[in-house]
Amino acid sequence: MEKGTALFKLTAEQGLEGIVAKHVYSRYELNTRSKYVLKAKHFRQMDTVILGYKTNPFALAVAHFETVRNKPIAVIEHGVTMDQKRAFLAVAKGIHVNKSDGTQWIEPVLCCRVQYLE
């Protein structure tokens, strides 16, 4: 266990995504997820400004605070609960700016913290 912990810490220091561990007696099975294989990933966090959204499927367009002002850098599609979507859409109606290419653009006044891998 302590060697795995040390390896996980080392991969974080080197900026790697993480490690994969498996039970010593388990086999690798092609195209199959095994309950004996564990992925341990290093997630990074970033504070962002929400610039716009799409509803089908739901996605947020975000910009990083330290980059060029209000330049989209990512689209967030996963990790938002249904309650969070409803609350966001209720607020977004009041700050809607325009629509283009299926994206509803809003005033850049809402912030969120996103987790990402790479």
N, C-alpha and C. Protein backbone atom coordinates (compact mmCIF):
# COMPACT_ATOMS: atom_id res chain seq x y z
N MET A 1 0.81 -1.19 0.00
CA MET A 1 0.00 0.00 0.00
C MET A 1 0.86 1.26 0.00
N GLU A 2 1.91 1.27 0.81
CA GLU A 2 2.71 2.49 0.87
C GLU A 2 3.49 2.74 -0.40
N LYS A 3 3.86 1.68 -1.13
CA LYS A 3 4.55 1.90 -2.42
C LYS A 3 3.58 2.49 -3.44
N GLY A 4 2.34 2.04 -3.42
CA GLY A 4 1.33 2.60 -4.31
C GLY A 4 1.05 4.06 -4.01
N THR A 5 1.00 4.40 -2.73
CA THR A 5 0.79 5.78 -2.31
C THR A 5 1.95 6.65 -2.76
N ALA A 6 3.16 6.14 -2.59
CA ALA A 6 4.36 6.89 -3.01
C ALA A 6 4.37 7.08 -4.53
N LEU A 7 3.99 6.04 -5.26
CA LEU A 7 3.94 6.13 -6.72
C LEU A 7 2.88 7.14 -7.16
N PHE A 8 1.73 7.12 -6.51
CA PHE A 8 0.67 8.07 -6.85
C PHE A 8 1.14 9.50 -6.61
N LYS A 9 1.83 9.73 -5.50
CA LYS A 9 2.36 11.06 -5.20
C LYS A 9 3.40 11.47 -6.25
N LEU A 10 4.25 10.57 -6.65
CA LEU A 10 5.28 10.85 -7.65
C LEU A 10 4.65 11.21 -9.00
N THR A 11 3.60 10.50 -9.39
CA THR A 11 2.94 10.82 -10.66
C THR A 11 2.31 12.21 -10.62
N ALA A 12 1.82 12.62 -9.44
CA ALA A 12 1.26 13.98 -9.31
C ALA A 12 2.37 15.01 -9.48
N GLU A 13 3.50 14.77 -8.85
CA GLU A 13 4.62 15.71 -8.95
C GLU A 13 5.12 15.86 -10.38
N GLN A 14 4.99 14.79 -11.17
CA GLN A 14 5.46 14.81 -12.55
C GLN A 14 4.38 15.24 -13.54
N GLY A 15 3.20 15.58 -13.02
CA GLY A 15 2.12 16.07 -13.88
C GLY A 15 1.44 14.98 -14.69
N LEU A 16 1.54 13.73 -14.26
CA LEU A 16 0.91 12.63 -14.98
C LEU A 16 -0.55 12.48 -14.54
N GLU A 17 -1.33 11.77 -15.35
CA GLU A 17 -2.77 11.66 -15.11
C GLU A 17 -3.09 10.84 -13.86
N GLY A 18 -2.31 9.82 -13.56
CA GLY A 18 -2.58 8.99 -12.40
C GLY A 18 -1.97 7.62 -12.57
N ILE A 19 -2.54 6.63 -11.86
CA ILE A 19 -2.04 5.26 -11.95
C ILE A 19 -3.22 4.30 -12.07
N VAL A 20 -2.90 3.09 -12.51
CA VAL A 20 -3.87 2.00 -12.55
C VAL A 20 -3.29 0.88 -11.70
N ALA A 21 -4.12 0.34 -10.80
CA ALA A 21 -3.68 -0.75 -9.93
C ALA A 21 -4.60 -1.94 -10.13
N LYS A 22 -4.04 -3.14 -9.98
CA LYS A 22 -4.88 -4.34 -10.08
C LYS A 22 -4.49 -5.31 -8.99
N HIS A 23 -5.44 -6.15 -8.62
CA HIS A 23 -5.18 -7.19 -7.63
C HIS A 23 -4.12 -8.13 -8.18
N VAL A 24 -3.22 -8.56 -7.33
CA VAL A 24 -2.08 -9.36 -7.76
C VAL A 24 -2.50 -10.65 -8.48
N TYR A 25 -3.63 -11.24 -8.13
CA TYR A 25 -4.05 -12.50 -8.76
C TYR A 25 -5.08 -12.31 -9.87
N SER A 26 -5.42 -11.09 -10.18
CA SER A 26 -6.42 -10.88 -11.24
C SER A 26 -5.74 -10.89 -12.61
N ARG A 27 -6.54 -11.19 -13.62
CA ARG A 27 -6.05 -11.20 -14.99
C ARG A 27 -6.56 -9.97 -15.71
N TYR A 28 -5.81 -9.55 -16.72
CA TYR A 28 -6.32 -8.52 -17.62
C TYR A 28 -7.28 -9.18 -18.58
N GLU A 29 -8.45 -8.59 -18.77
CA GLU A 29 -9.43 -9.12 -19.70
C GLU A 29 -9.68 -8.06 -20.77
N LEU A 30 -9.49 -8.44 -22.01
CA LEU A 30 -9.62 -7.52 -23.13
C LEU A 30 -11.05 -6.97 -23.21
N ASN A 31 -11.17 -5.66 -23.38
CA ASN A 31 -12.45 -4.96 -23.53
C ASN A 31 -13.43 -5.20 -22.38
N THR A 32 -12.92 -5.40 -21.19
CA THR A 32 -13.77 -5.67 -20.03
C THR A 32 -13.28 -4.86 -18.84
N ARG A 33 -14.22 -4.27 -18.11
CA ARG A 33 -13.86 -3.60 -16.86
C ARG A 33 -13.95 -4.62 -15.74
N SER A 34 -12.89 -4.75 -15.00
CA SER A 34 -12.85 -5.71 -13.90
C SER A 34 -13.00 -4.98 -12.58
N LYS A 35 -13.65 -5.62 -11.63
CA LYS A 35 -13.76 -5.03 -10.30
C LYS A 35 -12.43 -5.07 -9.56
N TYR A 36 -11.45 -5.76 -10.13
CA TYR A 36 -10.13 -5.87 -9.51
C TYR A 36 -9.13 -4.84 -10.02
N VAL A 37 -9.58 -3.96 -10.91
CA VAL A 37 -8.71 -2.91 -11.45
C VAL A 37 -9.22 -1.56 -10.96
N LEU A 38 -8.32 -0.75 -10.45
CA LEU A 38 -8.67 0.54 -9.89
C LEU A 38 -7.86 1.64 -10.58
N LYS A 39 -8.55 2.68 -11.03
CA LYS A 39 -7.87 3.85 -11.60
C LYS A 39 -7.85 4.93 -10.53
N ALA A 40 -6.69 5.50 -10.31
CA ALA A 40 -6.55 6.62 -9.38
C ALA A 40 -6.03 7.80 -10.19
N LYS A 41 -6.85 8.82 -10.35
CA LYS A 41 -6.52 9.94 -11.22
C LYS A 41 -6.27 11.21 -10.42
N HIS A 42 -5.41 12.06 -10.97
CA HIS A 42 -5.14 13.37 -10.38
C HIS A 42 -6.02 14.39 -11.08
N PHE A 43 -7.00 14.90 -10.38
CA PHE A 43 -7.84 15.93 -10.94
C PHE A 43 -7.25 17.30 -10.62
N ARG A 44 -7.35 18.20 -11.57
CA ARG A 44 -6.92 19.58 -11.36
C ARG A 44 -8.18 20.42 -11.25
N GLN A 45 -8.06 21.63 -10.69
CA GLN A 45 -9.20 22.53 -10.56
C GLN A 45 -8.86 23.88 -11.17
N MET A 46 -9.90 24.54 -11.67
CA MET A 46 -9.72 25.85 -12.27
C MET A 46 -10.98 26.68 -12.00
N ASP A 47 -10.80 27.92 -11.60
CA ASP A 47 -11.92 28.84 -11.44
C ASP A 47 -12.19 29.48 -12.80
N THR A 48 -13.46 29.47 -13.21
CA THR A 48 -13.83 29.93 -14.54
C THR A 48 -15.02 30.87 -14.50
N VAL A 49 -15.22 31.57 -15.60
CA VAL A 49 -16.40 32.41 -15.82
C VAL A 49 -17.27 31.70 -16.84
N ILE A 50 -18.57 31.61 -16.59
CA ILE A 50 -19.48 30.98 -17.54
C ILE A 50 -19.88 32.00 -18.59
N LEU A 51 -19.63 31.67 -19.86
CA LEU A 51 -19.92 32.59 -20.96
C LEU A 51 -21.21 32.25 -21.69
N GLY A 52 -21.57 30.96 -21.68
CA GLY A 52 -22.76 30.54 -22.40
C GLY A 52 -23.07 29.09 -22.12
N TYR A 53 -24.12 28.58 -22.79
CA TYR A 53 -24.55 27.21 -22.56
C TYR A 53 -25.35 26.69 -23.74
N LYS A 54 -25.45 25.37 -23.81
CA LYS A 54 -26.35 24.68 -24.73
C LYS A 54 -27.25 23.81 -23.88
N THR A 55 -28.43 23.51 -24.40
CA THR A 55 -29.37 22.72 -23.60
C THR A 55 -29.52 21.28 -24.06
N ASN A 56 -29.17 20.95 -25.30
CA ASN A 56 -29.40 19.59 -25.77
C ASN A 56 -28.21 19.10 -26.59
N PRO A 57 -27.25 18.40 -26.00
CA PRO A 57 -27.14 18.10 -24.58
C PRO A 57 -26.64 19.31 -23.81
N PHE A 58 -26.89 19.30 -22.51
CA PHE A 58 -26.49 20.43 -21.68
C PHE A 58 -24.98 20.55 -21.64
N ALA A 59 -24.48 21.76 -21.83
CA ALA A 59 -23.05 22.02 -21.77
C ALA A 59 -22.82 23.49 -21.45
N LEU A 60 -21.75 23.77 -20.72
CA LEU A 60 -21.38 25.15 -20.39
C LEU A 60 -20.12 25.53 -21.15
N ALA A 61 -20.07 26.74 -21.68
CA ALA A 61 -18.85 27.29 -22.28
C ALA A 61 -18.22 28.18 -21.22
N VAL A 62 -16.95 27.92 -20.91
CA VAL A 62 -16.30 28.66 -19.83
C VAL A 62 -14.98 29.28 -20.29
N ALA A 63 -14.55 30.30 -19.54
CA ALA A 63 -13.26 30.96 -19.77
C ALA A 63 -12.51 31.00 -18.45
N HIS A 64 -11.20 30.89 -18.52
CA HIS A 64 -10.35 30.94 -17.33
C HIS A 64 -10.09 32.40 -16.96
N PHE A 65 -10.08 32.69 -15.69
CA PHE A 65 -9.87 34.06 -15.21
C PHE A 65 -8.57 34.67 -15.73
N GLU A 66 -7.51 33.87 -15.82
CA GLU A 66 -6.19 34.42 -16.13
C GLU A 66 -5.86 34.45 -17.62
N THR A 67 -6.78 34.03 -18.47
CA THR A 67 -6.53 34.04 -19.91
C THR A 67 -7.08 35.32 -20.52
N VAL A 68 -7.04 35.38 -21.83
CA VAL A 68 -7.63 36.52 -22.53
C VAL A 68 -9.07 36.66 -22.07
N ARG A 69 -9.48 37.84 -21.76
CA ARG A 69 -10.80 38.08 -21.18
C ARG A 69 -11.93 37.50 -22.04
N ASN A 70 -12.72 36.65 -21.41
CA ASN A 70 -13.93 36.08 -22.02
C ASN A 70 -13.68 35.30 -23.30
N LYS A 71 -12.56 34.64 -23.41
CA LYS A 71 -12.27 33.76 -24.54
C LYS A 71 -12.61 32.33 -24.11
N PRO A 72 -13.58 31.67 -24.77
CA PRO A 72 -13.92 30.31 -24.36
C PRO A 72 -12.71 29.37 -24.44
N ILE A 73 -12.53 28.57 -23.38
CA ILE A 73 -11.42 27.62 -23.37
C ILE A 73 -11.88 26.17 -23.24
N ALA A 74 -13.13 25.97 -22.80
CA ALA A 74 -13.59 24.59 -22.60
C ALA A 74 -15.11 24.54 -22.63
N VAL A 75 -15.61 23.34 -22.87
CA VAL A 75 -17.04 23.07 -22.79
C VAL A 75 -17.22 21.99 -21.73
N ILE A 76 -18.01 22.27 -20.73
CA ILE A 76 -18.26 21.35 -19.63
C ILE A 76 -19.55 20.59 -19.93
N GLU A 77 -19.44 19.27 -20.05
CA GLU A 77 -20.62 18.46 -20.38
C GLU A 77 -21.01 17.49 -19.27
N HIS A 78 -20.10 17.18 -18.37
CA HIS A 78 -20.36 16.16 -17.35
C HIS A 78 -20.20 16.75 -15.95
N GLY A 79 -20.85 16.11 -14.99
CA GLY A 79 -20.68 16.49 -13.60
C GLY A 79 -21.63 17.54 -13.09
N VAL A 80 -22.64 17.91 -13.88
CA VAL A 80 -23.63 18.89 -13.44
C VAL A 80 -24.93 18.13 -13.17
N THR A 81 -25.43 18.24 -11.95
CA THR A 81 -26.67 17.53 -11.59
C THR A 81 -27.88 18.21 -12.21
N MET A 82 -28.99 17.51 -12.24
CA MET A 82 -30.23 18.06 -12.79
C MET A 82 -30.67 19.29 -11.99
N ASP A 83 -30.55 19.25 -10.67
CA ASP A 83 -30.92 20.41 -9.84
C ASP A 83 -30.02 21.61 -10.16
N GLN A 84 -28.73 21.36 -10.37
CA GLN A 84 -27.81 22.44 -10.72
C GLN A 84 -28.15 23.03 -12.08
N LYS A 85 -28.53 22.18 -13.03
CA LYS A 85 -28.92 22.66 -14.36
C LYS A 85 -30.14 23.56 -14.26
N ARG A 86 -31.16 23.10 -13.52
CA ARG A 86 -32.39 23.89 -13.37
C ARG A 86 -32.10 25.25 -12.73
N ALA A 87 -31.29 25.25 -11.67
CA ALA A 87 -30.96 26.50 -10.99
C ALA A 87 -30.19 27.43 -11.92
N PHE A 88 -29.23 26.87 -12.66
CA PHE A 88 -28.45 27.68 -13.60
C PHE A 88 -29.35 28.28 -14.67
N LEU A 89 -30.21 27.46 -15.28
CA LEU A 89 -31.08 27.95 -16.36
C LEU A 89 -32.02 29.05 -15.87
N ALA A 90 -32.49 28.95 -14.63
CA ALA A 90 -33.37 29.98 -14.08
C ALA A 90 -32.63 31.32 -13.97
N VAL A 91 -31.38 31.28 -13.56
CA VAL A 91 -30.58 32.51 -13.45
C VAL A 91 -30.18 33.01 -14.84
N ALA A 92 -29.81 32.09 -15.73
CA ALA A 92 -29.31 32.46 -17.06
C ALA A 92 -30.37 33.21 -17.88
N LYS A 93 -31.65 32.91 -17.67
CA LYS A 93 -32.70 33.62 -18.41
C LYS A 93 -32.62 35.12 -18.21
N GLY A 94 -32.22 35.54 -17.03
CA GLY A 94 -32.17 36.96 -16.71
C GLY A 94 -30.92 37.67 -17.20
N ILE A 95 -29.93 36.91 -17.67
CA ILE A 95 -28.68 37.55 -18.11
C ILE A 95 -28.32 37.14 -19.54
N HIS A 96 -29.32 36.67 -20.28
CA HIS A 96 -29.13 36.24 -21.67
C HIS A 96 -28.72 37.42 -22.54
N VAL A 97 -27.72 37.22 -23.40
CA VAL A 97 -27.25 38.28 -24.29
C VAL A 97 -27.69 38.01 -25.73
N ASN A 98 -27.34 36.85 -26.28
CA ASN A 98 -27.76 36.49 -27.64
C ASN A 98 -27.56 35.00 -27.86
N LYS A 99 -27.93 34.56 -29.06
CA LYS A 99 -27.80 33.15 -29.41
C LYS A 99 -27.10 33.06 -30.76
N SER A 100 -26.13 32.15 -30.85
CA SER A 100 -25.47 31.91 -32.14
C SER A 100 -24.97 30.47 -32.19
N ASP A 101 -25.16 29.84 -33.33
CA ASP A 101 -24.72 28.46 -33.52
C ASP A 101 -25.20 27.52 -32.42
N GLY A 102 -26.41 27.72 -31.93
CA GLY A 102 -26.97 26.84 -30.90
C GLY A 102 -26.51 27.14 -29.49
N THR A 103 -25.64 28.12 -29.32
CA THR A 103 -25.16 28.49 -27.99
C THR A 103 -25.90 29.73 -27.50
N GLN A 104 -26.40 29.66 -26.28
CA GLN A 104 -27.03 30.80 -25.63
C GLN A 104 -25.92 31.53 -24.88
N TRP A 105 -25.59 32.74 -25.29
CA TRP A 105 -24.53 33.51 -24.64
C TRP A 105 -25.14 34.36 -23.53
N ILE A 106 -24.44 34.44 -22.40
CA ILE A 106 -24.93 35.20 -21.25
C ILE A 106 -23.87 36.23 -20.83
N GLU A 107 -24.28 37.18 -20.02
CA GLU A 107 -23.33 38.13 -19.48
C GLU A 107 -22.32 37.36 -18.63
N PRO A 108 -21.04 37.69 -18.71
CA PRO A 108 -20.01 36.94 -17.96
C PRO A 108 -19.95 37.35 -16.49
N VAL A 109 -21.00 37.01 -15.75
CA VAL A 109 -21.08 37.40 -14.34
C VAL A 109 -21.15 36.19 -13.40
N LEU A 110 -21.28 34.98 -13.95
CA LEU A 110 -21.36 33.78 -13.12
C LEU A 110 -20.02 33.04 -13.16
N CYS A 111 -19.61 32.55 -12.02
CA CYS A 111 -18.34 31.81 -11.92
C CYS A 111 -18.61 30.39 -11.45
N CYS A 112 -17.70 29.50 -11.78
CA CYS A 112 -17.77 28.14 -11.28
C CYS A 112 -16.35 27.57 -11.22
N ARG A 113 -16.18 26.57 -10.39
CA ARG A 113 -14.90 25.87 -10.30
C ARG A 113 -15.08 24.54 -11.01
N VAL A 114 -14.19 24.25 -11.96
CA VAL A 114 -14.28 23.00 -12.71
C VAL A 114 -13.10 22.10 -12.37
N GLN A 115 -13.37 20.81 -12.43
CA GLN A 115 -12.34 19.80 -12.25
C GLN A 115 -12.05 19.20 -13.60
N TYR A 116 -10.78 18.96 -13.90
CA TYR A 116 -10.41 18.40 -15.19
C TYR A 116 -9.18 17.53 -15.04
N LEU A 117 -8.92 16.72 -16.08
CA LEU A 117 -7.76 15.84 -16.05
C LEU A 117 -6.57 16.41 -16.80
N GLU A 118 -6.78 16.88 -18.01
CA GLU A 118 -5.65 17.35 -18.82
C GLU A 118 -5.92 18.73 -19.34
